[in-house]
Amino acid sequence: MPEIAVALGVFAASFLLGSIPWGLIISKTVYHTDIREHGSGNIGTTNAMRTMGKAGGIAVFLLDFGKGLVSGGIAAAALYLFLPDASSHPDAIINDATVGALAAMGCTWGHIFSPWLGFRGGKGIAVAIGALCFAFGPIGAFVEVFCIFAPLVLVTRYVSVGSIASAALCPVIACFLFWGQWPAIAIYALTGATVVWAHRANIKRLVSGTESRVGAKKKQEE
């Protein structure tokens, strides 16, 4: 079926896009170091901020966030070019909601399981947020970032708490946005579960009380 081919093509293209390890590329080309040898060893925004400072961290965030946005653009282009009637068939297995979900999952999985890094990578939050700006739309993305992630980070000063909660609640928001479109909701649930799994080390540190808080290192240095 052409619908399945389009869906798989969107997933594959988004996965390859997500697999680009911007944290490692910037650390090596601009800062002449390997981000994986510092801090948590993660290539994402939080460790980039600790390893390369604010400029490096912001650059990594924007590029990873951009990967998510572009994956949404890939889904939108594929729907427009190959499945123009997908939105008129909400009960179909392959529709606009499913293709958007596959793009978000593909990009997030590519970032977490980058083939260029031995199928290891970041934790997927910046990428996922970028993808959800397309997949969930501005209201859904606003809820994820400003009603879940940001308040929890501000209150607890743990980036991981906001990240884990956002990922865990992703399928809940998907239910509100895509009620009845179960394939899409299942994909968002799997994507959210993968991001939570990627934070398993953070969860262990949170339980043991050894997780780093935002600004803790700076305070210690002062």
C-alpha atoms as a PDB file:
ATOM      1  CA  MET A   1       0.000   0.000   0.000  1.00  0.00           C
ATOM      2  CA  PRO A   2       1.332   3.481  -0.869  1.00  0.00           C
ATOM      3  CA  GLU A   3       0.178   4.810   2.523  1.00  0.00           C
ATOM      4  CA  ILE A   4       2.422   2.372   4.367  1.00  0.00           C
ATOM      5  CA  ALA A   5       5.368   3.195   2.095  1.00  0.00           C
ATOM      6  CA  VAL A   6       4.918   6.918   2.763  1.00  0.00           C
ATOM      7  CA  ALA A   7       4.645   6.343   6.526  1.00  0.00           C
ATOM      8  CA  LEU A   8       7.776   4.189   6.588  1.00  0.00           C
ATOM      9  CA  GLY A   9       9.619   6.723   4.431  1.00  0.00           C
ATOM     10  CA  VAL A  10       8.731   9.536   6.838  1.00  0.00           C
ATOM     11  CA  PHE A  11       9.904   7.449   9.792  1.00  0.00           C
ATOM     12  CA  ALA A  12      13.206   6.522   8.083  1.00  0.00           C
ATOM     13  CA  ALA A  13      13.959  10.093   6.961  1.00  0.00           C
ATOM     14  CA  SER A  14      13.140  11.440  10.421  1.00  0.00           C
ATOM     15  CA  PHE A  15      15.292   8.780  12.075  1.00  0.00           C
ATOM     16  CA  LEU A  16      18.309   9.701   9.931  1.00  0.00           C
ATOM     17  CA  LEU A  17      17.731  13.382  10.617  1.00  0.00           C
ATOM     18  CA  GLY A  18      17.461  12.761  14.345  1.00  0.00           C
ATOM     19  CA  SER A  19      20.640  10.694  14.346  1.00  0.00           C
ATOM     20  CA  ILE A  20      22.829  13.727  13.545  1.00  0.00           C
ATOM     21  CA  PRO A  21      24.839  14.157  16.803  1.00  0.00           C
ATOM     22  CA  TRP A  22      25.043  17.931  16.950  1.00  0.00           C
ATOM     23  CA  GLY A  23      26.372  17.924  20.509  1.00  0.00           C
ATOM     24  CA  LEU A  24      29.387  15.876  19.461  1.00  0.00           C
ATOM     25  CA  ILE A  25      29.887  17.783  16.203  1.00  0.00           C
ATOM     26  CA  ILE A  26      29.923  21.174  17.934  1.00  0.00           C
ATOM     27  CA  SER A  27      32.144  19.979  20.774  1.00  0.00           C
ATOM     28  CA  LYS A  28      34.737  18.627  18.333  1.00  0.00           C
ATOM     29  CA  THR A  29      34.663  21.295  15.619  1.00  0.00           C
ATOM     30  CA  VAL A  30      34.236  24.418  17.762  1.00  0.00           C
ATOM     31  CA  TYR A  31      35.539  23.479  21.219  1.00  0.00           C
ATOM     32  CA  HIS A  32      38.065  20.807  20.141  1.00  0.00           C
ATOM     33  CA  THR A  33      36.919  18.342  22.755  1.00  0.00           C
ATOM     34  CA  ASP A  34      34.641  15.324  22.994  1.00  0.00           C
ATOM     35  CA  ILE A  35      31.478  16.063  24.959  1.00  0.00           C
ATOM     36  CA  ARG A  36      31.172  12.353  25.762  1.00  0.00           C
ATOM     37  CA  GLU A  37      34.309  12.597  27.914  1.00  0.00           C
ATOM     38  CA  HIS A  38      32.864  15.259  30.199  1.00  0.00           C
ATOM     39  CA  GLY A  39      30.088  15.431  32.780  1.00  0.00           C
ATOM     40  CA  SER A  40      27.421  12.814  32.214  1.00  0.00           C
ATOM     41  CA  GLY A  41      28.871  11.888  28.827  1.00  0.00           C
ATOM     42  CA  ASN A  42      25.552  12.749  27.185  1.00  0.00           C
ATOM     43  CA  ILE A  43      25.480  14.691  23.905  1.00  0.00           C
ATOM     44  CA  GLY A  44      22.339  16.674  24.763  1.00  0.00           C
ATOM     45  CA  THR A  45      21.681  20.225  25.892  1.00  0.00           C
ATOM     46  CA  THR A  46      22.191  19.839  29.652  1.00  0.00           C
ATOM     47  CA  ASN A  47      25.646  18.280  29.386  1.00  0.00           C
ATOM     48  CA  ALA A  48      26.541  20.640  26.531  1.00  0.00           C
ATOM     49  CA  MET A  49      25.757  23.581  28.808  1.00  0.00           C
ATOM     50  CA  ARG A  50      27.976  22.146  31.533  1.00  0.00           C
ATOM     51  CA  THR A  51      30.778  21.199  29.147  1.00  0.00           C
ATOM     52  CA  MET A  52      30.786  24.055  26.623  1.00  0.00           C
ATOM     53  CA  GLY A  53      29.053  26.858  28.487  1.00  0.00           C
ATOM     54  CA  LYS A  54      25.877  28.743  27.660  1.00  0.00           C
ATOM     55  CA  ALA A  55      26.763  29.476  24.023  1.00  0.00           C
ATOM     56  CA  GLY A  56      27.556  25.857  23.264  1.00  0.00           C
ATOM     57  CA  GLY A  57      24.545  24.599  25.176  1.00  0.00           C
ATOM     58  CA  ILE A  58      22.153  26.967  23.426  1.00  0.00           C
ATOM     59  CA  ALA A  59      23.611  26.039  20.040  1.00  0.00           C
ATOM     60  CA  VAL A  60      23.093  22.326  20.738  1.00  0.00           C
ATOM     61  CA  PHE A  61      19.544  22.934  21.953  1.00  0.00           C
ATOM     62  CA  LEU A  62      18.597  24.972  18.892  1.00  0.00           C
ATOM     63  CA  LEU A  63      20.068  22.441  16.480  1.00  0.00           C
ATOM     64  CA  ASP A  64      18.446  19.482  18.240  1.00  0.00           C
ATOM     65  CA  PHE A  65      15.157  21.377  18.499  1.00  0.00           C
ATOM     66  CA  GLY A  66      15.535  22.189  14.812  1.00  0.00           C
ATOM     67  CA  LYS A  67      15.836  18.502  13.978  1.00  0.00           C
ATOM     68  CA  GLY A  68      12.440  17.956  15.536  1.00  0.00           C
ATOM     69  CA  LEU A  69      10.904  20.875  13.658  1.00  0.00           C
ATOM     70  CA  VAL A  70      12.282  19.655  10.341  1.00  0.00           C
ATOM     71  CA  SER A  71      10.946  16.152  10.985  1.00  0.00           C
ATOM     72  CA  GLY A  72       7.503  17.727  11.323  1.00  0.00           C
ATOM     73  CA  GLY A  73       8.125  19.492   8.031  1.00  0.00           C
ATOM     74  CA  ILE A  74       9.020  16.161   6.426  1.00  0.00           C
ATOM     75  CA  ALA A  75       5.712  14.702   7.622  1.00  0.00           C
ATOM     76  CA  ALA A  76       3.754  17.727   6.385  1.00  0.00           C
ATOM     77  CA  ALA A  77       5.450  17.604   2.969  1.00  0.00           C
ATOM     78  CA  ALA A  78       4.860  13.872   2.606  1.00  0.00           C
ATOM     79  CA  LEU A  79       1.193  14.282   3.508  1.00  0.00           C
ATOM     80  CA  TYR A  80       0.766  17.164   1.066  1.00  0.00           C
ATOM     81  CA  LEU A  81       2.549  15.420  -1.816  1.00  0.00           C
ATOM     82  CA  PHE A  82       1.497  11.797  -1.389  1.00  0.00           C
ATOM     83  CA  LEU A  83      -1.469  11.606   1.008  1.00  0.00           C
ATOM     84  CA  PRO A  84      -3.495  14.776   0.458  1.00  0.00           C
ATOM     85  CA  ASP A  85      -6.700  13.129   1.683  1.00  0.00           C
ATOM     86  CA  ALA A  86      -5.209  11.680   4.896  1.00  0.00           C
ATOM     87  CA  SER A  87      -6.881  14.256   7.154  1.00  0.00           C
ATOM     88  CA  SER A  88     -10.312  13.336   5.815  1.00  0.00           C
ATOM     89  CA  HIS A  89      -9.928   9.729   6.998  1.00  0.00           C
ATOM     90  CA  PRO A  90      -9.333   9.965  10.767  1.00  0.00           C
ATOM     91  CA  ASP A  91     -10.343   6.324  11.267  1.00  0.00           C
ATOM     92  CA  ALA A  92      -7.706   5.015   8.848  1.00  0.00           C
ATOM     93  CA  ILE A  93      -4.577   3.399  10.285  1.00  0.00           C
ATOM     94  CA  ILE A  94      -2.374   5.696   8.199  1.00  0.00           C
ATOM     95  CA  ASN A  95      -3.632   9.276   8.456  1.00  0.00           C
ATOM     96  CA  ASP A  96      -2.149  12.679   9.182  1.00  0.00           C
ATOM     97  CA  ALA A  97      -2.005  12.042  12.940  1.00  0.00           C
ATOM     98  CA  THR A  98      -0.195   8.720  12.452  1.00  0.00           C
ATOM     99  CA  VAL A  99       2.332  10.154  10.006  1.00  0.00           C
ATOM    100  CA  GLY A 100       3.047  13.057  12.365  1.00  0.00           C
ATOM    101  CA  ALA A 101       3.510  10.637  15.249  1.00  0.00           C
ATOM    102  CA  LEU A 102       5.888   8.491  13.194  1.00  0.00           C
ATOM    103  CA  ALA A 103       7.956  11.561  12.324  1.00  0.00           C
ATOM    104  CA  ALA A 104       8.200  12.528  15.999  1.00  0.00           C
ATOM    105  CA  MET A 105       9.114   8.995  17.041  1.00  0.00           C
ATOM    106  CA  GLY A 106      11.611   8.552  14.202  1.00  0.00           C
ATOM    107  CA  CYS A 107      13.464  11.776  15.001  1.00  0.00           C
ATOM    108  CA  THR A 108      13.459  11.084  18.746  1.00  0.00           C
ATOM    109  CA  TRP A 109      14.642   7.500  18.295  1.00  0.00           C
ATOM    110  CA  GLY A 110      17.344   8.631  15.866  1.00  0.00           C
ATOM    111  CA  HIS A 111      18.661  11.017  18.510  1.00  0.00           C
ATOM    112  CA  ILE A 112      18.572   8.444  21.311  1.00  0.00           C
ATOM    113  CA  PHE A 113      19.847   5.525  19.198  1.00  0.00           C
ATOM    114  CA  SER A 114      22.177   7.284  16.770  1.00  0.00           C
ATOM    115  CA  PRO A 115      23.818   4.717  14.436  1.00  0.00           C
ATOM    116  CA  TRP A 116      26.830   7.040  14.139  1.00  0.00           C
ATOM    117  CA  LEU A 117      27.481   6.637  17.890  1.00  0.00           C
ATOM    118  CA  GLY A 118      27.002   2.890  18.193  1.00  0.00           C
ATOM    119  CA  PHE A 119      23.228   3.334  18.640  1.00  0.00           C
ATOM    120  CA  ARG A 120      23.719   5.589  21.634  1.00  0.00           C
ATOM    121  CA  GLY A 121      22.960   9.284  21.872  1.00  0.00           C
ATOM    122  CA  GLY A 122      21.050  11.900  23.813  1.00  0.00           C
ATOM    123  CA  LYS A 123      17.847  11.706  25.810  1.00  0.00           C
ATOM    124  CA  GLY A 124      15.525  13.178  23.228  1.00  0.00           C
ATOM    125  CA  ILE A 125      13.840  16.089  25.003  1.00  0.00           C
ATOM    126  CA  ALA A 126      14.882  19.005  22.757  1.00  0.00           C
ATOM    127  CA  VAL A 127      14.247  16.913  19.653  1.00  0.00           C
ATOM    128  CA  ALA A 128      10.862  15.729  20.893  1.00  0.00           C
ATOM    129  CA  ILE A 129       9.740  19.251  21.780  1.00  0.00           C
ATOM    130  CA  GLY A 130      10.631  20.439  18.292  1.00  0.00           C
ATOM    131  CA  ALA A 131       8.762  17.534  16.706  1.00  0.00           C
ATOM    132  CA  LEU A 132       5.710  18.086  18.900  1.00  0.00           C
ATOM    133  CA  CYS A 133       5.481  21.717  17.807  1.00  0.00           C
ATOM    134  CA  PHE A 134       4.359  20.251  14.478  1.00  0.00           C
ATOM    135  CA  ALA A 135       2.683  17.052  15.636  1.00  0.00           C
ATOM    136  CA  PHE A 136       0.730  18.506  18.591  1.00  0.00           C
ATOM    137  CA  GLY A 137       0.399  22.011  17.240  1.00  0.00           C
ATOM    138  CA  PRO A 138       1.149  25.183  19.234  1.00  0.00           C
ATOM    139  CA  ILE A 139      -1.358  24.482  22.026  1.00  0.00           C
ATOM    140  CA  GLY A 140      -0.158  20.924  22.675  1.00  0.00           C
ATOM    141  CA  ALA A 141       3.488  22.015  22.552  1.00  0.00           C
ATOM    142  CA  PHE A 142       2.715  24.935  24.890  1.00  0.00           C
ATOM    143  CA  VAL A 143       1.185  22.553  27.433  1.00  0.00           C
ATOM    144  CA  GLU A 144       4.202  20.234  27.237  1.00  0.00           C
ATOM    145  CA  VAL A 145       6.760  23.011  27.695  1.00  0.00           C
ATOM    146  CA  PHE A 146       5.095  25.714  29.792  1.00  0.00           C
ATOM    147  CA  CYS A 147       2.558  23.739  31.815  1.00  0.00           C
ATOM    148  CA  ILE A 148       4.628  20.627  32.559  1.00  0.00           C
ATOM    149  CA  PHE A 149       8.368  20.900  31.806  1.00  0.00           C
ATOM    150  CA  ALA A 150       9.191  24.487  32.809  1.00  0.00           C
ATOM    151  CA  PRO A 151       7.161  24.652  36.062  1.00  0.00           C
ATOM    152  CA  LEU A 152       8.614  21.360  37.323  1.00  0.00           C
ATOM    153  CA  VAL A 153      12.173  22.445  36.517  1.00  0.00           C
ATOM    154  CA  LEU A 154      11.615  25.786  38.261  1.00  0.00           C
ATOM    155  CA  VAL A 155      10.070  24.191  41.364  1.00  0.00           C
ATOM    156  CA  THR A 156      12.400  21.192  41.742  1.00  0.00           C
ATOM    157  CA  ARG A 157      15.502  22.616  39.970  1.00  0.00           C
ATOM    158  CA  TYR A 158      15.866  19.191  38.332  1.00  0.00           C
ATOM    159  CA  VAL A 159      15.835  19.278  34.531  1.00  0.00           C
ATOM    160  CA  SER A 160      15.326  15.521  34.563  1.00  0.00           C
ATOM    161  CA  VAL A 161      12.079  15.790  36.545  1.00  0.00           C
ATOM    162  CA  GLY A 162      10.554  18.127  33.964  1.00  0.00           C
ATOM    163  CA  SER A 163      11.835  15.941  31.144  1.00  0.00           C
ATOM    164  CA  ILE A 164      10.520  12.672  32.586  1.00  0.00           C
ATOM    165  CA  ALA A 165       7.119  14.158  33.421  1.00  0.00           C
ATOM    166  CA  SER A 166       6.772  15.693  29.953  1.00  0.00           C
ATOM    167  CA  ALA A 167       7.593  12.377  28.310  1.00  0.00           C
ATOM    168  CA  ALA A 168       5.305  10.381  30.603  1.00  0.00           C
ATOM    169  CA  LEU A 169       2.370  12.718  29.964  1.00  0.00           C
ATOM    170  CA  CYS A 170       2.908  12.836  26.198  1.00  0.00           C
ATOM    171  CA  PRO A 171       0.364  10.041  25.497  1.00  0.00           C
ATOM    172  CA  VAL A 172      -2.146  11.724  27.821  1.00  0.00           C
ATOM    173  CA  ILE A 173      -1.988  14.921  25.769  1.00  0.00           C
ATOM    174  CA  ALA A 174      -2.148  12.816  22.608  1.00  0.00           C
ATOM    175  CA  CYS A 175      -5.406  11.302  23.866  1.00  0.00           C
ATOM    176  CA  PHE A 176      -6.946  14.761  24.202  1.00  0.00           C
ATOM    177  CA  LEU A 177      -5.732  15.819  20.752  1.00  0.00           C
ATOM    178  CA  PHE A 178      -6.278  12.593  18.817  1.00  0.00           C
ATOM    179  CA  TRP A 179      -8.984  10.724  20.723  1.00  0.00           C
ATOM    180  CA  GLY A 180     -10.036   7.637  18.787  1.00  0.00           C
ATOM    181  CA  GLN A 181      -6.924   7.627  16.603  1.00  0.00           C
ATOM    182  CA  TRP A 182      -5.340   4.785  18.526  1.00  0.00           C
ATOM    183  CA  PRO A 183      -2.343   4.021  16.257  1.00  0.00           C
ATOM    184  CA  ALA A 184      -1.096   7.595  16.675  1.00  0.00           C
ATOM    185  CA  ILE A 185      -1.715   7.542  20.425  1.00  0.00           C
ATOM    186  CA  ALA A 186       0.140   4.215  20.730  1.00  0.00           C
ATOM    187  CA  ILE A 187       3.114   5.673  18.856  1.00  0.00           C
ATOM    188  CA  TYR A 188       3.242   8.686  21.181  1.00  0.00           C
ATOM    189  CA  ALA A 189       3.031   6.348  24.184  1.00  0.00           C
ATOM    190  CA  LEU A 190       5.967   4.322  22.867  1.00  0.00           C
ATOM    191  CA  THR A 191       7.960   7.478  22.147  1.00  0.00           C
ATOM    192  CA  GLY A 192       7.302   8.865  25.624  1.00  0.00           C
ATOM    193  CA  ALA A 193       8.240   5.541  27.229  1.00  0.00           C
ATOM    194  CA  THR A 194      11.508   5.543  25.270  1.00  0.00           C
ATOM    195  CA  VAL A 195      12.404   9.021  26.522  1.00  0.00           C
ATOM    196  CA  VAL A 196      11.630   7.971  30.102  1.00  0.00           C
ATOM    197  CA  TRP A 197      13.836   4.892  29.583  1.00  0.00           C
ATOM    198  CA  ALA A 198      16.635   7.135  28.297  1.00  0.00           C
ATOM    199  CA  HIS A 199      16.465   8.930  31.669  1.00  0.00           C
ATOM    200  CA  ARG A 200      16.862   5.707  33.688  1.00  0.00           C
ATOM    201  CA  ALA A 201      20.200   6.844  35.142  1.00  0.00           C
ATOM    202  CA  ASN A 202      18.602  10.140  36.192  1.00  0.00           C
ATOM    203  CA  ILE A 203      15.759   8.251  37.847  1.00  0.00           C
ATOM    204  CA  LYS A 204      18.258   6.212  39.875  1.00  0.00           C
ATOM    205  CA  ARG A 205      20.047   9.391  40.962  1.00  0.00           C
ATOM    206  CA  LEU A 206      16.761  11.068  41.866  1.00  0.00           C
ATOM    207  CA  VAL A 207      15.833   8.099  44.047  1.00  0.00           C
ATOM    208  CA  SER A 208      19.247   8.100  45.716  1.00  0.00           C
ATOM    209  CA  GLY A 209      19.304  11.887  46.108  1.00  0.00           C
ATOM    210  CA  THR A 210      22.456  12.383  44.017  1.00  0.00           C
ATOM    211  CA  GLU A 211      20.906  14.043  40.949  1.00  0.00           C
ATOM    212  CA  SER A 212      22.420  17.445  40.109  1.00  0.00           C
ATOM    213  CA  ARG A 213      20.177  20.481  40.481  1.00  0.00           C
ATOM    214  CA  VAL A 214      20.204  23.433  38.141  1.00  0.00           C
ATOM    215  CA  GLY A 215      22.792  25.905  39.409  1.00  0.00           C
ATOM    216  CA  ALA A 216      24.234  23.534  42.018  1.00  0.00           C
ATOM    217  CA  LYS A 217      27.710  23.472  40.478  1.00  0.00           C
ATOM    218  CA  LYS A 218      27.816  27.236  40.231  1.00  0.00           C
ATOM    219  CA  LYS A 219      26.919  27.601  43.878  1.00  0.00           C
ATOM    220  CA  GLN A 220      29.592  25.165  44.955  1.00  0.00           C
ATOM    221  CA  GLU A 221      32.224  27.049  42.966  1.00  0.00           C
ATOM    222  CA  GLU A 222      31.210  30.306  44.622  1.00  0.00           C
END
